[in-house]
Protein backbone atom coordinates (compact mmCIF):
# COMPACT_ATOMS: atom_id res chain seq x y z
CA MET A 1 -0.18 0.12 -0.07
CA GLY A 2 2.67 2.06 0.88
CA LYS A 3 3.46 4.56 3.84
CA ASN A 4 2.64 8.34 3.47
CA SER A 5 0.81 10.87 5.87
CA GLN A 6 -3.01 9.56 4.68
CA VAL A 7 -4.68 7.76 7.14
CA ARG A 8 -5.93 4.52 4.54
CA VAL A 9 -9.59 3.76 5.44
CA GLY A 10 -11.54 1.20 3.99
CA TRP A 11 -15.15 0.25 4.10
CA PHE A 12 -17.33 -3.10 3.92
CA CYS A 13 -19.77 -4.20 1.35
CA PRO A 14 -22.99 -5.84 3.73
CA THR A 15 -23.28 -8.73 1.00
CA ASN A 16 -24.13 -10.88 3.87
CA GLY A 17 -27.22 -8.75 4.40
CA ASP A 18 -27.62 -4.69 6.22
CA ARG A 19 -30.10 -3.49 8.71
CA SER A 20 -30.49 -0.59 11.13
CA ALA A 21 -31.99 -3.18 13.94
CA PHE A 22 -31.05 -6.85 14.89
CA GLY A 23 -34.20 -7.13 16.73
CA ASP A 24 -36.75 -5.61 14.08
CA PRO A 25 -37.25 -7.73 11.07
CA GLU A 26 -38.69 -4.71 9.12
CA LYS A 27 -35.57 -3.36 9.92
CA MET A 28 -33.50 -5.46 7.84
CA ILE A 29 -32.16 -4.36 4.11
CA PRO A 30 -32.21 -7.30 1.58
CA ARG A 31 -29.12 -8.07 -0.45
CA SER A 32 -29.45 -6.31 -3.38
CA LEU A 33 -27.23 -4.69 -6.24
CA ASP A 34 -28.67 -1.53 -5.74
CA ASN A 35 -27.57 -1.87 -2.03
CA PHE A 36 -24.35 -2.77 -2.79
CA LEU A 37 -24.05 -0.18 -5.36
CA ASP A 38 -25.89 2.41 -2.88
CA VAL A 39 -22.96 1.35 0.06
CA THR A 40 -19.87 1.47 -2.37
CA ALA A 41 -20.88 4.73 -3.80
CA ALA A 42 -21.14 6.26 -0.16
CA ALA A 43 -17.82 4.76 0.64
CA GLU A 44 -16.44 6.25 -2.47
CA GLN A 45 -17.76 9.95 -1.84
CA ALA A 46 -16.59 9.43 2.17
CA GLY A 47 -13.32 9.09 0.73
CA MET A 48 -12.26 5.35 1.39
CA GLU A 49 -9.81 3.86 -0.42
CA TYR A 50 -11.07 0.50 -0.61
CA MET A 51 -14.22 -2.15 -0.14
CA LEU A 52 -13.99 -5.27 1.53
CA ILE A 53 -15.98 -7.89 -0.14
CA PRO A 54 -16.48 -10.92 2.50
CA VAL A 55 -16.72 -14.57 2.11
CA GLY A 56 -18.74 -16.90 3.95
CA PRO A 57 -21.89 -19.14 3.96
CA THR A 58 -24.29 -16.22 4.05
CA CYS A 59 -22.48 -14.20 1.27
CA TRP A 60 -22.84 -13.16 -1.99
CA ASP A 61 -19.89 -14.93 -4.46
CA ALA A 62 -16.87 -12.46 -3.32
CA TRP A 63 -15.86 -12.07 -7.03
CA THR A 64 -18.45 -11.69 -8.50
CA ALA A 65 -19.81 -8.71 -6.65
CA ALA A 66 -16.33 -7.23 -6.84
CA SER A 67 -16.36 -7.50 -10.23
CA PHE A 68 -20.07 -5.66 -10.48
CA ILE A 69 -19.07 -3.08 -8.03
CA ALA A 70 -15.64 -2.17 -10.16
CA ALA A 71 -17.27 -1.81 -13.34
CA ARG A 72 -20.15 0.96 -11.90
CA GLN A 73 -17.88 2.65 -9.16
CA PRO A 74 -14.87 4.25 -10.96
CA LYS A 75 -12.35 4.52 -8.08
CA ILE A 76 -12.35 2.70 -5.06
CA LYS A 77 -10.52 -0.78 -4.99
CA PRO A 78 -12.47 -4.20 -3.97
CA LEU A 79 -10.49 -5.98 -1.28
CA VAL A 80 -11.84 -9.27 -2.16
CA ALA A 81 -11.57 -12.24 0.92
CA MET A 82 -9.96 -15.50 -0.51
CA LYS A 83 -10.57 -18.78 1.76
CA PRO A 84 -8.38 -21.82 1.22
CA GLY A 85 -9.17 -24.59 -1.12
CA PHE A 86 -12.11 -22.56 -2.93
CA ILE A 87 -10.37 -21.53 -6.39
CA HIS A 88 -6.94 -23.23 -7.25
CA PRO A 89 -4.06 -20.97 -7.32
CA VAL A 90 -3.55 -21.05 -11.34
CA ALA A 91 -7.35 -19.74 -11.69
CA GLN A 92 -6.76 -17.23 -8.89
CA ALA A 93 -3.72 -15.50 -10.57
CA LYS A 94 -5.62 -15.23 -14.00
CA MET A 95 -8.61 -13.90 -12.12
CA ILE A 96 -6.25 -11.27 -10.20
CA ALA A 97 -4.35 -10.75 -13.42
CA SER A 98 -7.52 -10.16 -15.55
CA PHE A 99 -9.65 -8.25 -12.74
CA SER A 100 -6.42 -5.99 -12.27
CA GLN A 101 -6.33 -5.29 -16.07
CA PHE A 102 -9.71 -4.45 -16.42
CA THR A 103 -9.84 -2.13 -13.13
CA GLY A 104 -6.56 -0.46 -13.74
CA GLY A 105 -4.91 -2.16 -10.86
CA ARG A 106 -7.41 -1.71 -8.34
CA ILE A 107 -7.94 -5.19 -6.00
CA TYR A 108 -6.65 -6.22 -2.92
CA ILE A 109 -6.66 -9.74 -1.30
CA ASN A 110 -8.20 -10.64 2.00
CA LEU A 111 -6.66 -13.57 3.30
CA ILE A 112 -9.17 -15.85 5.65
CA ALA A 113 -9.19 -19.11 7.24
CA GLY A 114 -13.00 -19.41 8.29
CA ILE A 115 -14.10 -19.20 11.92
CA SER A 116 -15.12 -22.96 12.39
CA GLU A 117 -14.19 -26.59 11.14
CA LYS A 118 -17.83 -27.06 11.14
CA GLU A 119 -18.01 -23.93 8.76
CA ALA A 120 -15.38 -25.33 6.67
CA ALA A 121 -16.92 -29.13 6.57
CA SER A 122 -20.33 -27.67 5.45
CA GLU A 123 -18.56 -26.00 2.28
CA GLY A 124 -16.81 -29.33 1.65
CA GLN A 125 -13.43 -28.44 3.55
CA LEU A 126 -12.19 -31.02 5.26
CA ALA A 127 -9.04 -30.05 6.73
CA SER A 128 -8.26 -28.99 10.31
CA LYS A 129 -7.81 -25.38 10.86
CA GLU A 130 -4.11 -25.78 10.98
CA ALA A 131 -3.79 -27.50 7.59
CA ARG A 132 -6.29 -24.36 6.11
CA TYR A 133 -3.52 -22.24 7.25
CA ARG A 134 -1.13 -24.56 5.56
CA GLN A 135 -2.71 -24.39 2.73
CA LEU A 136 -3.52 -20.70 2.39
CA GLU A 137 0.20 -19.95 2.74
CA GLU A 138 0.53 -21.82 -0.12
CA GLU A 139 -1.68 -20.28 -1.94
CA VAL A 140 -0.29 -17.13 -1.02
CA VAL A 141 3.53 -18.52 -2.29
CA LEU A 142 2.04 -20.24 -5.24
CA ILE A 143 0.07 -16.82 -6.54
CA LYS A 144 2.83 -14.61 -6.02
CA ARG A 145 5.18 -16.62 -7.92
CA LEU A 146 2.52 -17.00 -10.68
CA LEU A 147 2.20 -13.57 -11.14
CA THR A 148 5.79 -12.28 -10.74
CA GLU A 149 7.82 -15.07 -12.65
CA LYS A 150 7.29 -17.24 -15.88
CA ASN A 151 7.63 -20.95 -16.10
CA VAL A 152 6.94 -21.38 -12.50
CA LYS A 153 7.25 -25.16 -11.13
CA PHE A 154 5.83 -26.00 -7.56
CA ASP A 155 5.48 -28.87 -5.90
CA GLY A 156 3.99 -28.44 -2.38
CA GLU A 157 1.49 -30.31 -0.32
CA PHE A 158 -1.59 -29.05 -1.68
CA TYR A 159 -0.57 -27.82 -4.89
CA HIS A 160 1.79 -29.00 -8.20
CA VAL A 161 1.95 -26.84 -11.44
CA ASP A 162 4.46 -27.23 -14.48
CA ALA A 163 5.31 -24.09 -15.96
CA PRO A 164 1.48 -22.88 -16.30
CA ALA A 165 0.65 -19.46 -18.59
CA ILE A 166 -0.43 -16.47 -16.70
CA ILE A 167 -3.04 -14.66 -19.40
CA PRO A 168 -2.96 -11.50 -19.16
CA GLU A 169 0.76 -10.70 -17.83
CA LEU A 170 0.43 -8.33 -14.42
CA PRO A 171 3.56 -5.87 -14.74
CA GLY A 172 2.65 -4.63 -11.38
CA GLY A 173 3.23 -7.74 -9.84
CA ALA A 174 1.02 -9.32 -7.30
CA PRO A 175 -1.34 -7.43 -5.19
CA ASP A 176 -1.17 -6.49 -1.48
CA PHE A 177 -2.37 -9.22 0.70
CA PHE A 178 -4.38 -8.41 3.67
CA LEU A 179 -4.72 -11.14 6.53
CA GLY A 180 -6.75 -10.65 9.98
CA GLY A 181 -6.65 -13.30 12.39
CA GLY A 182 -5.32 -14.13 16.22
CA SER A 183 -3.94 -17.58 15.95
CA GLN A 184 0.03 -17.92 16.06
CA GLN A 185 -0.12 -19.28 12.62
CA ALA A 186 -1.86 -16.45 11.20
CA LEU A 187 0.84 -13.81 12.65
CA GLU A 188 3.58 -15.90 11.08
CA ILE A 189 1.92 -15.54 7.57
CA SER A 190 1.46 -12.55 7.54
CA ALA A 191 5.00 -11.55 8.75
CA ARG A 192 6.28 -13.31 5.47
CA HIS A 193 3.36 -12.64 3.25
CA SER A 194 1.18 -9.52 4.20
CA ALA A 195 1.23 -6.17 3.23
CA VAL A 196 -1.31 -5.36 6.13
CA HIS A 197 -2.30 -7.14 9.11
CA LEU A 198 -5.91 -6.14 10.33
CA PHE A 199 -6.94 -6.46 13.75
CA TRP A 200 -10.43 -6.62 15.51
CA GLY A 201 -11.48 -4.35 17.98
CA ASP A 202 -9.44 -4.62 21.37
CA TYR A 203 -7.52 -2.59 24.23
CA PRO A 204 -5.20 -0.05 22.03
CA GLU A 205 -2.54 -1.23 24.28
CA VAL A 206 -3.05 -4.73 23.42
CA ILE A 207 -2.83 -3.64 19.64
CA ALA A 208 0.29 -2.12 20.52
CA GLY A 209 1.65 -5.27 21.74
CA GLN A 210 0.50 -7.63 18.89
CA ILE A 211 2.53 -4.98 16.37
CA LYS A 212 5.25 -5.52 18.39
CA GLN A 213 5.40 -8.95 18.27
CA ILE A 214 4.65 -9.07 14.37
CA LYS A 215 6.87 -6.98 13.67
CA GLU A 216 9.66 -9.16 15.20
CA LEU A 217 8.50 -11.84 13.54
CA ALA A 218 8.73 -9.59 10.46
CA ARG A 219 11.93 -8.48 11.18
CA SER A 220 13.39 -12.33 10.60
CA TYR A 221 12.34 -12.42 7.13
CA GLY A 222 13.43 -9.08 6.36
CA ARG A 223 10.04 -7.51 6.16
CA GLU A 224 9.66 -5.31 8.93
CA GLN A 225 8.87 -2.46 6.77
CA ALA A 226 6.90 -4.02 4.33
CA ILE A 227 3.88 -4.75 6.47
CA GLU A 228 1.69 -2.03 7.92
CA PHE A 229 -1.20 -2.44 10.47
CA ALA A 230 -5.06 -1.76 10.35
CA MET A 231 -8.10 -2.00 12.57
CA ARG A 232 -10.93 -3.61 11.79
CA LEU A 233 -14.10 -1.99 13.25
CA GLN A 234 -17.69 -1.38 13.50
CA ILE A 235 -18.53 3.00 13.55
CA ILE A 236 -21.59 4.36 15.18
CA CYS A 237 -21.14 8.25 15.33
CA ARG A 238 -23.76 10.83 15.04
CA GLU A 239 -23.84 14.47 16.13
CA THR A 240 -24.02 14.04 19.61
CA GLU A 241 -22.69 11.62 22.08
CA GLU A 242 -26.39 11.13 23.25
CA GLU A 243 -27.46 10.00 19.49
CA ALA A 244 -24.77 7.76 19.30
CA TRP A 245 -25.44 5.67 22.11
CA GLU A 246 -29.24 5.49 21.51
CA PHE A 247 -28.57 4.08 18.14
CA ALA A 248 -25.92 1.55 19.49
CA HIS A 249 -28.21 0.49 22.36
CA GLN A 250 -31.42 0.21 19.57
CA LEU A 251 -29.45 -1.59 16.98
CA VAL A 252 -29.28 -4.87 19.50
CA ALA A 253 -32.18 -4.40 21.90
CA GLY A 254 -34.72 -7.13 21.20
CA ALA A 255 -32.50 -9.20 19.46
CA ASP A 256 -32.84 -12.23 21.44
CA GLU A 257 -33.14 -14.66 18.76
CA GLN A 258 -29.53 -13.61 17.01
CA ARG A 259 -28.35 -13.73 21.00
CA ALA A 260 -29.44 -17.46 21.53
CA SER A 261 -28.28 -18.53 17.95
CA LYS A 262 -24.86 -16.73 18.36
CA SER A 263 -24.51 -18.99 21.22
CA VAL A 264 -25.04 -21.98 19.96
CA ARG A 265 -22.51 -20.96 17.39
CA ASP A 266 -20.07 -20.23 19.44
CA GLY A 267 -19.75 -23.36 20.89
CA HIS A 268 -18.29 -24.49 17.41
CA VAL A 269 -16.06 -21.61 17.15
CA ASP A 270 -12.03 -22.42 16.64
CA SER A 271 -11.01 -18.82 15.21
CA VAL A 272 -8.87 -16.92 17.81
CA ALA A 273 -10.47 -13.53 16.60
CA ASN A 274 -13.91 -14.98 17.07
CA GLN A 275 -12.71 -16.41 20.69
CA ARG A 276 -11.08 -12.79 21.59
CA GLN A 277 -14.38 -11.05 20.19
CA LYS A 278 -16.57 -13.35 23.14
CA GLU A 279 -13.64 -12.31 25.73
CA LEU A 280 -14.33 -8.98 25.67
CA ALA A 281 -17.93 -9.11 25.29
CA GLU A 282 -17.96 -11.16 28.53
CA VAL A 283 -15.76 -8.43 30.19
CA GLY A 284 -18.02 -5.42 29.81
CA SER A 285 -20.09 -3.45 27.17
CA LYS A 286 -17.39 -0.85 27.14
CA LEU A 287 -13.38 -1.10 26.51
CA THR A 288 -12.78 2.60 26.89
CA PRO A 289 -15.54 5.25 27.10
CA HIS A 290 -16.33 4.78 23.39
CA LEU A 291 -15.19 1.41 22.43
CA TRP A 292 -18.35 -0.69 22.94
CA THR A 293 -18.76 -4.54 22.60
CA GLY A 294 -22.52 -4.76 22.42
CA ILE A 295 -22.28 -5.95 18.58
CA ASN A 296 -20.25 -8.76 19.48
CA GLU A 297 -23.45 -10.37 22.09
CA VAL A 298 -25.53 -10.55 18.57
CA ARG A 299 -23.09 -11.67 15.85
CA LEU A 300 -20.04 -13.07 15.36
CA GLY A 301 -16.87 -11.44 13.30
CA ALA A 302 -15.26 -8.24 14.34
CA GLY A 303 -17.89 -6.32 16.06
CA VAL A 304 -16.40 -4.04 18.55
CA ALA A 305 -17.62 -0.39 17.53
CA VAL A 306 -16.13 2.92 18.22
CA VAL A 307 -19.45 5.11 19.06
CA GLY A 308 -20.01 8.53 19.69
CA ASN A 309 -19.62 12.23 18.20
CA PRO A 310 -17.26 13.29 15.58
CA ARG A 311 -14.57 14.62 17.66
CA GLN A 312 -15.04 11.16 20.30
CA VAL A 313 -14.72 9.11 17.27
CA ALA A 314 -11.75 10.66 15.69
CA ASP A 315 -9.65 10.58 18.78
CA GLN A 316 -10.58 6.92 19.58
CA LEU A 317 -9.62 6.06 16.16
CA LYS A 318 -6.47 7.87 16.69
CA GLU A 319 -5.34 5.96 19.62
CA PHE A 320 -4.75 3.17 17.38
CA LEU A 321 -3.14 5.21 15.05
CA ALA A 322 -0.18 5.93 18.21
CA ALA A 323 -0.40 2.67 18.91
CA GLY A 324 1.14 1.49 15.32
CA CYS A 325 -1.65 1.27 13.20
CA SER A 326 -1.64 3.19 9.92
CA GLY A 327 -5.41 2.81 8.66
CA PHE A 328 -8.52 1.42 9.35
CA CYS A 329 -11.33 -1.22 7.42
CA LEU A 330 -14.72 -0.01 8.99
CA SER A 331 -18.01 -0.91 8.95
CA GLY A 332 -21.70 0.43 10.43
CA TYR A 333 -25.13 0.05 10.27
CA PRO A 334 -26.86 0.57 8.01
CA HIS A 335 -23.54 1.13 5.65
CA ALA A 336 -24.47 3.39 2.93
CA ASN A 337 -25.80 5.72 5.95
CA GLU A 338 -22.98 4.97 8.31
CA ALA A 339 -20.19 5.37 5.49
CA ALA A 340 -21.65 9.08 4.75
CA ILE A 341 -21.88 10.06 8.15
CA PHE A 342 -18.44 9.04 8.68
CA GLY A 343 -16.86 10.72 5.31
CA ARG A 344 -18.53 14.09 6.61
CA LEU A 345 -18.30 14.28 9.76
CA VAL A 346 -15.34 12.06 10.89
CA MET A 347 -12.62 11.87 7.98
CA PRO A 348 -11.85 15.82 7.69
CA LEU A 349 -10.81 14.97 11.39
CA LEU A 350 -9.12 11.90 11.09
CA GLN A 351 -6.92 12.81 8.19
CA SER A 352 -6.20 16.33 10.37
């Protein structure tokens, strides 16, 4: 991504569904092409650099959604999530090269191993989490070589190739790879291969310690200056702090069904990052006066939210910059509305 004085900010495309309240079915926003475009347009207007396109059992296909979005929005870069074993690295390399040619290089890749063995098995992946991470790393190594070298021969644990042709060629080389994960395997892969490691919400001092740990790992591979760090957070910002907290509390009010469902799914989760989010929610609803864990009670994933008025939100985000981060991958409910608020009220404060 490259280091400069600008804070790099991305947003999230809710191909898994959107809402303005978890407990009210009438406030669900159906998945639709129009909604995805509204969210992307709002994020681009807000000055976001990239748009995270998720992959998961309840998401629309990430590559198809990314292609649709990139064809209609002229600036924002899709950050396409990639799970191990879904697409062969030769095909994946061709897809990346083709997408980059069509969009003028507007592509990043987000590496994920999945939240649980149960979810992986439901999609035909029978390997353990450790094996999925080994496969993920092998894919990254092979894809990078395919995009930067000719006549690649590779004989690995999961893949074997003998000088495949990658058309079109990609003069700029492989795109930046992001990775978000809390396990030791995830940290090691980030240290060796990632341009950006994404942390889920936590205390700023904890993030500072993890950054130090990954930098030490990266130093052993000669990559200490090659890796950056960003926070994956929810945003709830309003003109006043009172309005922000009012929205936060109504967002999860009455969501008993979601709480019960999440409690069941918690029992199957082997993702370290998700387990940490659960631990933080059990500590209490506030990690700091403006870091809130309430969303973690009703859904899996990166649920810690920054809540407050524009100055409070910007100041909380700047604490993560002080901890060593250089950017943020954000989301908020509903996504188009929150992106517009963030761009209008917080982005100028954050970039100053």
